Structure formats: structure tokens, C-alpha cells
Amino acid sequence: MKISTLTLLAISSLLTACGTANHIERIAGPNTVVPQHKDGKREGRYHNLYPGKKTYPISCENDCYPSNTHLQCEEGSENCQYIAEQVIPKLNTGYTVRWLGHAGFMISTPNGQQVVFDPVKEQFDSPVALGFKLAGGIYRKPGAWPNKQELENIDAVMYSHIHYDHFNKADIEEIGNKPRYLTPLGMADNFPTGGFNISEMAWYAKTSINDLVINAVPAHHFSARVLVPFIYEDNDKDLWNGWLLEQNGSTLFFAGDTGYSKHFRDIQTKYGDIDVCLMPIASYYSKDDPNWYRYVHTTPEDALTAAQELNCKVMIPWGYGNSSWKMGDHSSHSALLRLLHMYNKMDSKVPLYILNEGESVQL
């Protein structure tokens, strides 16, 4: 079989790209926080700002998942669509938010940059996806993945941490090495090779893409890669972040996976009231270890409390949905049912906007 010169050149180019070393920079220094243990068995591993036993301002104890006429479901709280008419807050921030499913968002900034948070197209990286399925885990329906043209126009990809449902190597290879990748400290060595431009950032570090200011901010979580999701081994070799965007005086906050802690107040103290808050509301319960799950994931009422402390002008929840893994939750939309219930019970004053996967809103 004859192979054309053009085919050989294409293969050569592909092999060269795959072998191209990544460019990695570390952004830390004065006025940033690198929360590493200084001595003992965990020397060099990262830790949360506020460890230890938690007390929570409010907890739903009974009847936490009442049905809601605004949620149209095929059965129970599975395979649902939020159908209520909603008033879009008149914020004039210039941000457009599109929910890709689970923790994934595509953001159009006020001046037109395209950035993505925690994109995961389908399943976990191989072979963990297969193992998860064989072990009886939920095999996720694909999310609302950007089309080819959208992928080609991405300016930045931001990851909150290395857990499989937030970081997928196959997706990085599909997105390509045109965007700038921003991560917590230590994450770059998890990337495939291919000439990717990666900035690892300490807490409160900042960088810019043209006039878009990107801040890495604390979260209350942990990191592990090899054994997740079978055993939540607290490895903590790599840091975990939230992200705060600033442009034209408007702010957008992506909390990442996080439990409730004082770090939310710290963020508000440093950056002021937040315009748009993308807040997690799922994966907070397991009958085997409920205290641990809530320790590192916000319940819907924790997310509402955090949004109040951040003085969010609008809160958009995530983590539930038809393309979620339903990890730690009762069903695809149980977390949303609990959020709607607690929003009324707490008489929350933070404006709430609910998206279905694939939907967008201009704020």
C-alpha cells in the first residue's frame, strides 16, 4: 500500500506535536498563599485554610426534597427540566454564562474572551471510567460539549482540581494547545504532552489575558487522582482552587468543588461583592460517611449561605443535572429540589437563576 507524501507529513506533524514539551510557569510570590505542610509525614502536601470540625449555620433535617411544580421530570426527580419563567437580573456585567453540565461552564467575558471552567465531555479518563462502570457507578450521559468552532476560539481553560469529574486528559487533547491553561499549583504534571501553555497559580495569585484579570482563590477541598472514585485517598499533592474573573469592573466567581468554610468571607473581604457566582450544590451526602462528604462539598443550604457571605448579585447552581454522575446524591435533580426548598425556607435574598444543561444566560 502506497502512502502519500501529504499523509506522511501529517503523521510526522502529529507525532511531533504529541512529543512537544509543555510550557509551564508557576505564579506565586508576595501577597499569595501556598498552603503547604512544613514538617511531618505530610510535608509539602497542601491543606485547607480552615481545617477541623465544622459547624454549619443551617442544615435541612427533614423533608428536604419536596416536589416542585417548576421541575418537570420523567419519573420522581430523574431526567428533569426546569421550566419556570425566570427574570434575568439586570446586572449589565457583560458576562454570558453557558452551562455544559456538572461543573463545566463556557463563559463569554464582557470584552469577548471565551473561557471554560472544568470541561469534561463524557466519562472519566480511561481506564477509570470502565472500572467505575463495572463497579456499579453511574455512567454519565454526555454533557453539552462545545462545537468544533467554539473549541477553536477558546482563550483560556481553567481547572479547579484534578478529580476525574473535573479534569480529563482526552478533553485537553481535543481542545488543543491554542488556549492558555490555568490550574492550581502542582497540576501541570497531570497534563498530556503536546506543547500546552500551563500556568500553575497559588491562592490569591493573579494573571491577565489582555484586560481580563484572572484570580486564583481558595477552596475547601482535597486532591487525589489514582484511586478516585473508588477510594477517596486524601493525597493532596496538587492544590485546589476557585477562580475569580474581573473585567470592566464586573466580577464572576467559580467556586470549584468546595465545602463551606470561612474562605468565602475572606474572598468577599479581599475582592468585594461578587456579581455572578457559580456555586456547587451536589455530592454532599453519602450514607457511609456523610460528615466527610459535606466537609468537602456544599449542601444547597451551605451554597446559599456562602452566596450571602459573598454578597452575590446572582447565584447560578451546578452539580445536579441529567449529565451528572449523581455522586453522593439521591438522583439527577434531588440537589436542585433541596435548593429550591431551602431557598424559600431560608428566605434567601440572593437572586437565583437556574440553568438546564446547554442553556445560557446573559447577565
Protein backbone atom coordinates (compact mmCIF):
# COMPACT_ATOMS: atom_id res chain seq x y z
CA MET A 1 0.00 0.00 0.00
CA LYS A 2 1.41 3.37 -1.03
CA ILE A 3 1.27 6.24 1.43
CA SER A 4 1.18 9.76 0.04
CA THR A 5 3.76 12.37 0.98
CA LEU A 6 0.96 14.50 2.43
CA THR A 7 -0.13 11.64 4.70
CA LEU A 8 3.44 11.11 5.89
CA LEU A 9 3.80 14.80 6.66
CA ALA A 10 0.52 14.76 8.60
CA ILE A 11 1.63 11.75 10.66
CA SER A 12 5.02 13.35 11.29
CA SER A 13 3.38 16.59 12.39
CA LEU A 14 1.05 14.73 14.76
CA LEU A 15 3.88 12.77 16.32
CA THR A 16 5.95 15.92 16.73
CA ALA A 17 3.06 17.74 18.44
CA CYS A 18 2.45 14.83 20.80
CA GLY A 19 6.09 14.89 21.83
CA THR A 20 6.36 18.65 22.26
CA ALA A 21 7.15 19.64 25.82
CA ASN A 22 4.60 21.75 27.66
CA HIS A 23 5.45 25.29 28.74
CA ILE A 24 4.83 25.58 32.49
CA GLU A 25 5.01 28.68 34.68
CA ARG A 26 4.36 28.98 38.40
CA ILE A 27 2.62 32.14 39.61
CA ALA A 28 3.19 32.67 43.31
CA GLY A 29 5.09 35.11 45.48
CA PRO A 30 4.24 38.15 47.64
CA ASN A 31 0.57 38.52 48.60
CA THR A 32 -0.22 34.93 47.59
CA VAL A 33 -0.83 31.87 49.76
CA VAL A 34 0.86 28.49 49.26
CA PRO A 35 -0.81 26.33 51.96
CA GLN A 36 1.74 23.53 52.36
CA HIS A 37 2.55 21.49 55.44
CA LYS A 38 6.02 22.45 56.68
CA ASP A 39 7.03 19.29 58.50
CA GLY A 40 5.92 15.79 59.48
CA LYS A 41 4.67 12.98 57.26
CA ARG A 42 2.65 15.40 55.12
CA GLU A 43 5.46 17.87 54.49
CA GLY A 44 4.99 19.53 51.11
CA ARG A 45 1.36 18.40 50.78
CA TYR A 46 -1.36 21.04 50.60
CA HIS A 47 -4.03 21.77 53.20
CA ASN A 48 -7.18 23.86 53.65
CA LEU A 49 -7.11 27.27 55.29
CA TYR A 50 -9.68 26.29 57.93
CA PRO A 51 -9.35 22.59 58.77
CA GLY A 52 -11.01 20.81 61.65
CA LYS A 53 -14.54 20.12 62.79
CA LYS A 54 -17.19 22.28 61.15
CA THR A 55 -20.38 23.83 62.41
CA TYR A 56 -22.88 24.89 59.76
CA PRO A 57 -25.23 27.89 60.05
CA ILE A 58 -28.26 25.90 58.86
CA SER A 59 -28.99 22.29 57.95
CA CYS A 60 -32.03 20.72 56.38
CA GLU A 61 -33.07 17.82 58.64
CA ASN A 62 -36.43 16.58 57.34
CA ASP A 63 -38.49 16.67 54.15
CA CYS A 64 -35.56 18.16 52.23
CA TYR A 65 -36.71 17.09 48.76
CA PRO A 66 -40.36 18.10 48.29
CA SER A 67 -41.67 18.07 44.73
CA ASN A 68 -41.73 21.36 42.88
CA THR A 69 -44.02 22.32 40.00
CA HIS A 70 -41.17 24.24 38.38
CA LEU A 71 -39.28 20.97 37.81
CA GLN A 72 -40.73 18.71 35.12
CA CYS A 73 -39.39 15.17 35.49
CA GLU A 74 -39.96 11.87 33.69
CA GLU A 75 -40.01 9.94 36.96
CA GLY A 76 -39.50 11.10 40.53
CA SER A 77 -36.60 13.53 40.40
CA GLU A 78 -34.88 11.88 37.41
CA ASN A 79 -34.45 13.22 33.87
CA CYS A 80 -35.80 16.67 34.61
CA GLN A 81 -36.06 20.11 33.08
CA TYR A 82 -36.52 23.33 35.00
CA ILE A 83 -39.49 25.00 33.29
CA ALA A 84 -40.29 28.09 35.36
CA GLU A 85 -40.21 31.52 33.77
CA GLN A 86 -37.31 33.44 35.25
CA VAL A 87 -36.46 37.11 35.45
CA ILE A 88 -32.86 37.74 34.40
CA PRO A 89 -31.23 40.11 36.90
CA LYS A 90 -30.40 43.44 35.26
CA LEU A 91 -26.74 43.46 36.17
CA ASN A 92 -25.20 44.61 32.87
CA THR A 93 -21.99 42.78 33.69
CA GLY A 94 -21.36 41.72 30.09
CA TYR A 95 -20.80 38.07 31.07
CA THR A 96 -22.67 35.31 29.24
CA VAL A 97 -22.76 32.01 31.12
CA ARG A 98 -23.40 28.68 29.37
CA TRP A 99 -23.67 25.53 31.47
CA LEU A 100 -22.04 22.48 29.88
CA GLY A 101 -23.18 20.11 32.64
CA HIS A 102 -21.78 19.05 36.03
CA ALA A 103 -19.03 21.64 36.78
CA GLY A 104 -18.38 22.69 33.18
CA PHE A 105 -19.09 26.25 32.05
CA MET A 106 -18.27 28.29 28.96
CA ILE A 107 -18.05 32.00 29.71
CA SER A 108 -18.07 34.89 27.27
CA THR A 109 -16.47 37.85 29.05
CA PRO A 110 -17.57 41.48 28.70
CA ASN A 111 -14.87 42.15 26.10
CA GLY A 112 -15.39 38.92 24.21
CA GLN A 113 -12.85 36.43 25.54
CA GLN A 114 -14.03 32.82 25.68
CA VAL A 115 -13.05 30.90 28.80
CA VAL A 116 -14.03 27.47 30.08
CA PHE A 117 -14.19 26.07 33.62
CA ASP A 118 -13.67 22.35 34.36
CA PRO A 119 -14.67 20.91 30.97
CA VAL A 120 -15.37 17.15 30.97
CA LYS A 121 -17.09 15.89 27.84
CA GLU A 122 -18.29 12.42 28.80
CA GLN A 123 -16.75 9.98 31.28
CA PHE A 124 -13.68 9.77 33.45
CA ASP A 125 -10.28 9.15 31.90
CA SER A 126 -9.57 5.57 30.87
CA PRO A 127 -9.33 3.06 32.50
CA VAL A 128 -11.12 4.58 35.49
CA ALA A 129 -14.35 5.10 33.51
CA LEU A 130 -14.60 1.38 32.75
CA GLY A 131 -13.75 0.41 36.32
CA PHE A 132 -16.33 2.83 37.66
CA LYS A 133 -18.98 1.30 35.41
CA LEU A 134 -18.08 -2.28 36.30
CA ALA A 135 -18.22 -1.38 40.00
CA GLY A 136 -21.82 -0.23 39.59
CA GLY A 137 -21.25 3.51 39.39
CA ILE A 138 -23.39 5.88 37.35
CA TYR A 139 -22.33 6.04 33.71
CA ARG A 140 -22.87 9.67 32.81
CA LYS A 141 -24.79 10.93 29.81
CA PRO A 142 -22.65 13.32 27.71
CA GLY A 143 -22.89 16.98 28.62
CA ALA A 144 -23.47 19.93 26.26
CA TRP A 145 -19.97 19.93 24.76
CA PRO A 146 -18.86 22.98 22.70
CA ASN A 147 -18.80 22.52 18.94
CA LYS A 148 -15.61 22.50 16.88
CA GLN A 149 -15.70 26.22 16.09
CA GLU A 150 -16.27 27.09 19.77
CA LEU A 151 -13.34 24.89 20.81
CA GLU A 152 -11.09 26.64 18.28
CA ASN A 153 -11.96 30.05 19.75
CA ILE A 154 -11.31 29.31 23.43
CA ASP A 155 -8.84 31.74 25.02
CA ALA A 156 -8.40 30.05 28.40
CA VAL A 157 -9.27 26.81 30.17
CA MET A 158 -9.36 26.84 33.98
CA TYR A 159 -9.34 23.75 36.16
CA SER A 160 -10.29 23.76 39.85
CA HIS A 161 -8.59 20.46 40.79
CA ILE A 162 -7.53 17.06 39.44
CA HIS A 163 -10.51 14.86 40.36
CA TYR A 164 -11.73 12.87 37.37
CA ASP A 165 -15.09 14.62 37.10
CA HIS A 166 -13.33 17.98 36.71
CA PHE A 167 -10.21 17.15 34.69
CA ASN A 168 -9.94 14.84 31.68
CA LYS A 169 -6.79 14.39 29.59
CA ALA A 170 -8.66 13.27 26.48
CA ASP A 171 -10.64 16.52 26.51
CA ILE A 172 -7.44 18.56 26.77
CA GLU A 173 -6.11 16.83 23.66
CA GLU A 174 -9.36 17.65 21.82
CA ILE A 175 -9.32 21.30 22.91
CA GLY A 176 -5.69 21.57 21.79
CA ASN A 177 -2.77 23.80 22.69
CA LYS A 178 -4.09 27.12 21.39
CA PRO A 179 -5.72 28.26 24.70
CA ARG A 180 -3.87 29.12 27.85
CA TYR A 181 -4.46 26.60 30.64
CA LEU A 182 -4.68 27.80 34.24
CA THR A 183 -4.51 25.39 37.16
CA PRO A 184 -3.83 25.15 40.87
CA LEU A 185 -0.23 24.51 41.95
CA GLY A 186 1.15 21.09 41.09
CA MET A 187 -1.35 20.15 38.39
CA ALA A 188 0.77 20.56 35.28
CA ASP A 189 2.40 17.15 35.57
CA ASN A 190 -1.05 15.57 35.06
CA PHE A 191 -1.33 17.03 31.55
CA PRO A 192 -0.56 15.11 28.37
CA THR A 193 2.41 16.42 26.40
CA GLY A 194 1.72 18.44 23.29
CA GLY A 195 3.01 21.98 23.71
CA PHE A 196 0.35 23.11 26.19
CA ASN A 197 0.81 26.53 27.81
CA ILE A 198 0.09 25.98 31.52
CA SER A 199 0.11 28.48 34.39
CA GLU A 200 0.01 26.99 37.90
CA MET A 201 -1.29 29.52 40.41
CA ALA A 202 -1.15 29.90 44.18
CA TRP A 203 -4.15 31.18 46.14
CA TYR A 204 -4.64 34.91 45.58
CA ALA A 205 -2.23 34.89 42.63
CA LYS A 206 -3.45 36.73 39.56
CA THR A 207 -2.66 36.90 35.88
CA SER A 208 -4.17 38.54 32.79
CA ILE A 209 -5.26 37.68 29.29
CA ASN A 210 -5.33 41.09 27.64
CA ASP A 211 -7.56 43.08 30.03
CA LEU A 212 -9.22 40.03 31.63
CA VAL A 213 -7.84 39.61 35.16
CA ILE A 214 -7.91 36.04 36.46
CA ASN A 215 -7.53 35.39 40.20
CA ALA A 216 -6.93 32.00 41.80
CA VAL A 217 -8.81 31.89 45.11
CA PRO A 218 -9.09 29.37 47.96
CA ALA A 219 -11.50 26.45 48.10
CA HIS A 220 -12.09 23.93 50.91
CA HIS A 221 -11.50 20.55 49.31
CA PHE A 222 -8.74 17.98 48.66
CA SER A 223 -6.96 16.34 45.73
CA ALA A 224 -6.31 12.77 44.64
CA ARG A 225 -6.07 11.15 41.27
CA VAL A 226 -5.06 7.49 41.08
CA LEU A 227 -7.79 5.81 43.13
CA VAL A 228 -10.69 8.24 42.74
CA PRO A 229 -13.61 7.46 42.59
CA PHE A 230 -13.18 4.09 44.34
CA ILE A 231 -11.26 5.24 47.41
CA TYR A 232 -11.09 8.90 48.39
CA GLU A 233 -7.46 8.80 49.41
CA ASP A 234 -6.51 12.25 50.63
CA ASN A 235 -3.33 12.65 48.64
CA ASP A 236 -3.14 16.45 48.38
CA LYS A 237 -0.07 16.51 46.15
CA ASP A 238 -1.77 19.16 44.00
CA LEU A 239 -3.66 22.22 45.19
CA TRP A 240 -7.36 23.03 44.59
CA ASN A 241 -8.76 26.45 43.60
CA GLY A 242 -11.75 28.55 42.91
CA TRP A 243 -11.50 31.26 40.22
CA LEU A 244 -12.50 34.91 40.10
CA LEU A 245 -12.69 36.85 36.82
CA GLU A 246 -12.54 40.64 36.68
CA GLN A 247 -13.20 42.80 33.63
CA ASN A 248 -14.70 46.27 33.15
CA GLY A 249 -15.42 46.42 36.87
CA SER A 250 -17.56 43.25 36.79
CA THR A 251 -16.73 40.00 38.60
CA LEU A 252 -17.57 36.34 38.09
CA PHE A 253 -16.75 33.67 40.68
CA PHE A 254 -16.47 29.93 40.07
CA ALA A 255 -16.23 28.17 43.44
CA GLY A 256 -14.92 24.79 42.23
CA ASP A 257 -15.60 21.78 44.42
CA THR A 258 -15.62 23.08 47.99
CA GLY A 259 -17.08 22.64 51.41
CA TYR A 260 -18.37 25.53 53.48
CA SER A 261 -15.71 27.42 55.43
CA LYS A 262 -14.56 30.93 56.32
CA HIS A 263 -12.74 31.22 52.99
CA PHE A 264 -15.92 32.61 51.41
CA ARG A 265 -15.85 35.60 53.76
CA ASP A 266 -12.13 36.02 53.04
CA ILE A 267 -12.82 36.22 49.31
CA GLN A 268 -15.52 38.85 49.79
CA THR A 269 -13.25 40.87 52.09
CA LYS A 270 -10.46 40.88 49.50
CA TYR A 271 -12.45 41.40 46.28
CA GLY A 272 -15.70 42.99 47.42
CA ASP A 273 -19.23 41.94 46.50
CA ILE A 274 -19.37 39.45 43.61
CA ASP A 275 -21.63 39.98 40.59
CA VAL A 276 -22.03 36.42 39.27
CA CYS A 277 -21.48 33.35 41.49
CA LEU A 278 -21.33 29.83 40.05
CA MET A 279 -21.93 27.65 43.12
CA PRO A 280 -21.82 23.85 43.64
CA ILE A 281 -24.84 22.26 45.34
CA ALA A 282 -24.27 18.48 44.97
CA SER A 283 -22.21 15.48 46.14
CA TYR A 284 -22.68 16.43 49.79
CA TYR A 285 -24.10 13.16 51.14
CA SER A 286 -23.11 9.53 51.48
CA LYS A 287 -24.72 7.13 53.95
CA ASP A 288 -21.27 5.59 54.50
CA ASP A 289 -19.59 8.85 55.52
CA PRO A 290 -21.98 11.85 55.46
CA ASN A 291 -19.73 14.09 57.56
CA TRP A 292 -16.80 13.77 55.13
CA TYR A 293 -18.89 14.45 52.04
CA ARG A 294 -20.31 17.64 53.49
CA TYR A 295 -16.90 18.64 54.78
CA VAL A 296 -15.62 18.95 51.20
CA HIS A 297 -18.87 19.72 49.29
CA THR A 298 -21.51 22.37 49.99
CA THR A 299 -25.09 21.34 50.58
CA PRO A 300 -27.62 23.59 48.83
CA GLU A 301 -28.13 25.49 52.08
CA ASP A 302 -24.35 25.86 52.53
CA ALA A 303 -24.12 27.26 48.99
CA LEU A 304 -26.89 29.76 49.76
CA THR A 305 -25.12 30.81 52.95
CA ALA A 306 -21.85 31.23 51.05
CA ALA A 307 -23.60 33.28 48.36
CA GLN A 308 -24.97 35.58 51.06
CA GLU A 309 -21.48 35.98 52.52
CA LEU A 310 -20.06 36.77 49.08
CA ASN A 311 -22.94 39.24 48.51
CA CYS A 312 -23.58 37.64 45.13
CA LYS A 313 -25.82 39.63 42.82
CA VAL A 314 -26.90 36.38 41.21
CA MET A 315 -26.19 32.74 42.06
CA ILE A 316 -26.17 30.03 39.39
CA PRO A 317 -26.03 26.50 40.87
CA TRP A 318 -24.29 23.47 39.35
CA GLY A 319 -23.52 19.82 40.09
CA TYR A 320 -27.01 18.38 39.61
CA GLY A 321 -28.49 17.51 36.21
CA ASN A 322 -29.16 14.92 33.55
CA SER A 323 -25.46 14.75 32.67
CA SER A 324 -24.28 14.47 36.27
CA TRP A 325 -22.76 11.38 37.87
CA LYS A 326 -25.15 11.71 40.83
CA MET A 327 -22.24 11.08 43.16
CA GLY A 328 -23.36 11.30 46.75
CA ASP A 329 -26.89 12.37 45.83
CA HIS A 330 -30.28 10.69 45.56
CA SER A 331 -30.99 11.37 41.89
CA SER A 332 -30.14 13.65 38.99
CA HIS A 333 -32.12 16.59 40.41
CA SER A 334 -32.50 15.95 44.13
CA ALA A 335 -29.93 18.64 44.91
CA LEU A 336 -31.93 21.19 42.90
CA LEU A 337 -35.13 20.21 44.72
CA ARG A 338 -33.36 20.76 48.02
CA LEU A 339 -32.00 24.11 46.82
CA LEU A 340 -35.46 25.35 45.81
CA HIS A 341 -36.89 24.18 49.15
CA MET A 342 -34.15 25.76 51.26
CA TYR A 343 -34.13 28.97 49.23
CA ASN A 344 -37.68 29.61 50.41
CA LYS A 345 -37.13 28.27 53.93
CA MET A 346 -34.08 30.48 54.43
CA ASP A 347 -35.87 33.44 52.80
CA SER A 348 -32.70 33.99 50.79
CA LYS A 349 -32.28 37.44 49.26
CA VAL A 350 -29.64 36.34 46.74
CA PRO A 351 -31.19 36.27 43.25
CA LEU A 352 -31.18 32.71 41.88
CA TYR A 353 -31.01 31.72 38.22
CA ILE A 354 -31.45 28.06 37.22
CA LEU A 355 -29.99 26.60 34.04
CA ASN A 356 -30.60 23.30 32.32
CA GLU A 357 -27.57 21.74 30.64
CA GLY A 358 -26.72 23.53 27.42
CA GLU A 359 -28.62 26.71 28.30
CA SER A 360 -27.01 30.12 28.59
CA VAL A 361 -27.87 33.46 30.14
CA GLN A 362 -26.52 36.97 29.54
CA LEU A 363 -26.15 38.86 32.78
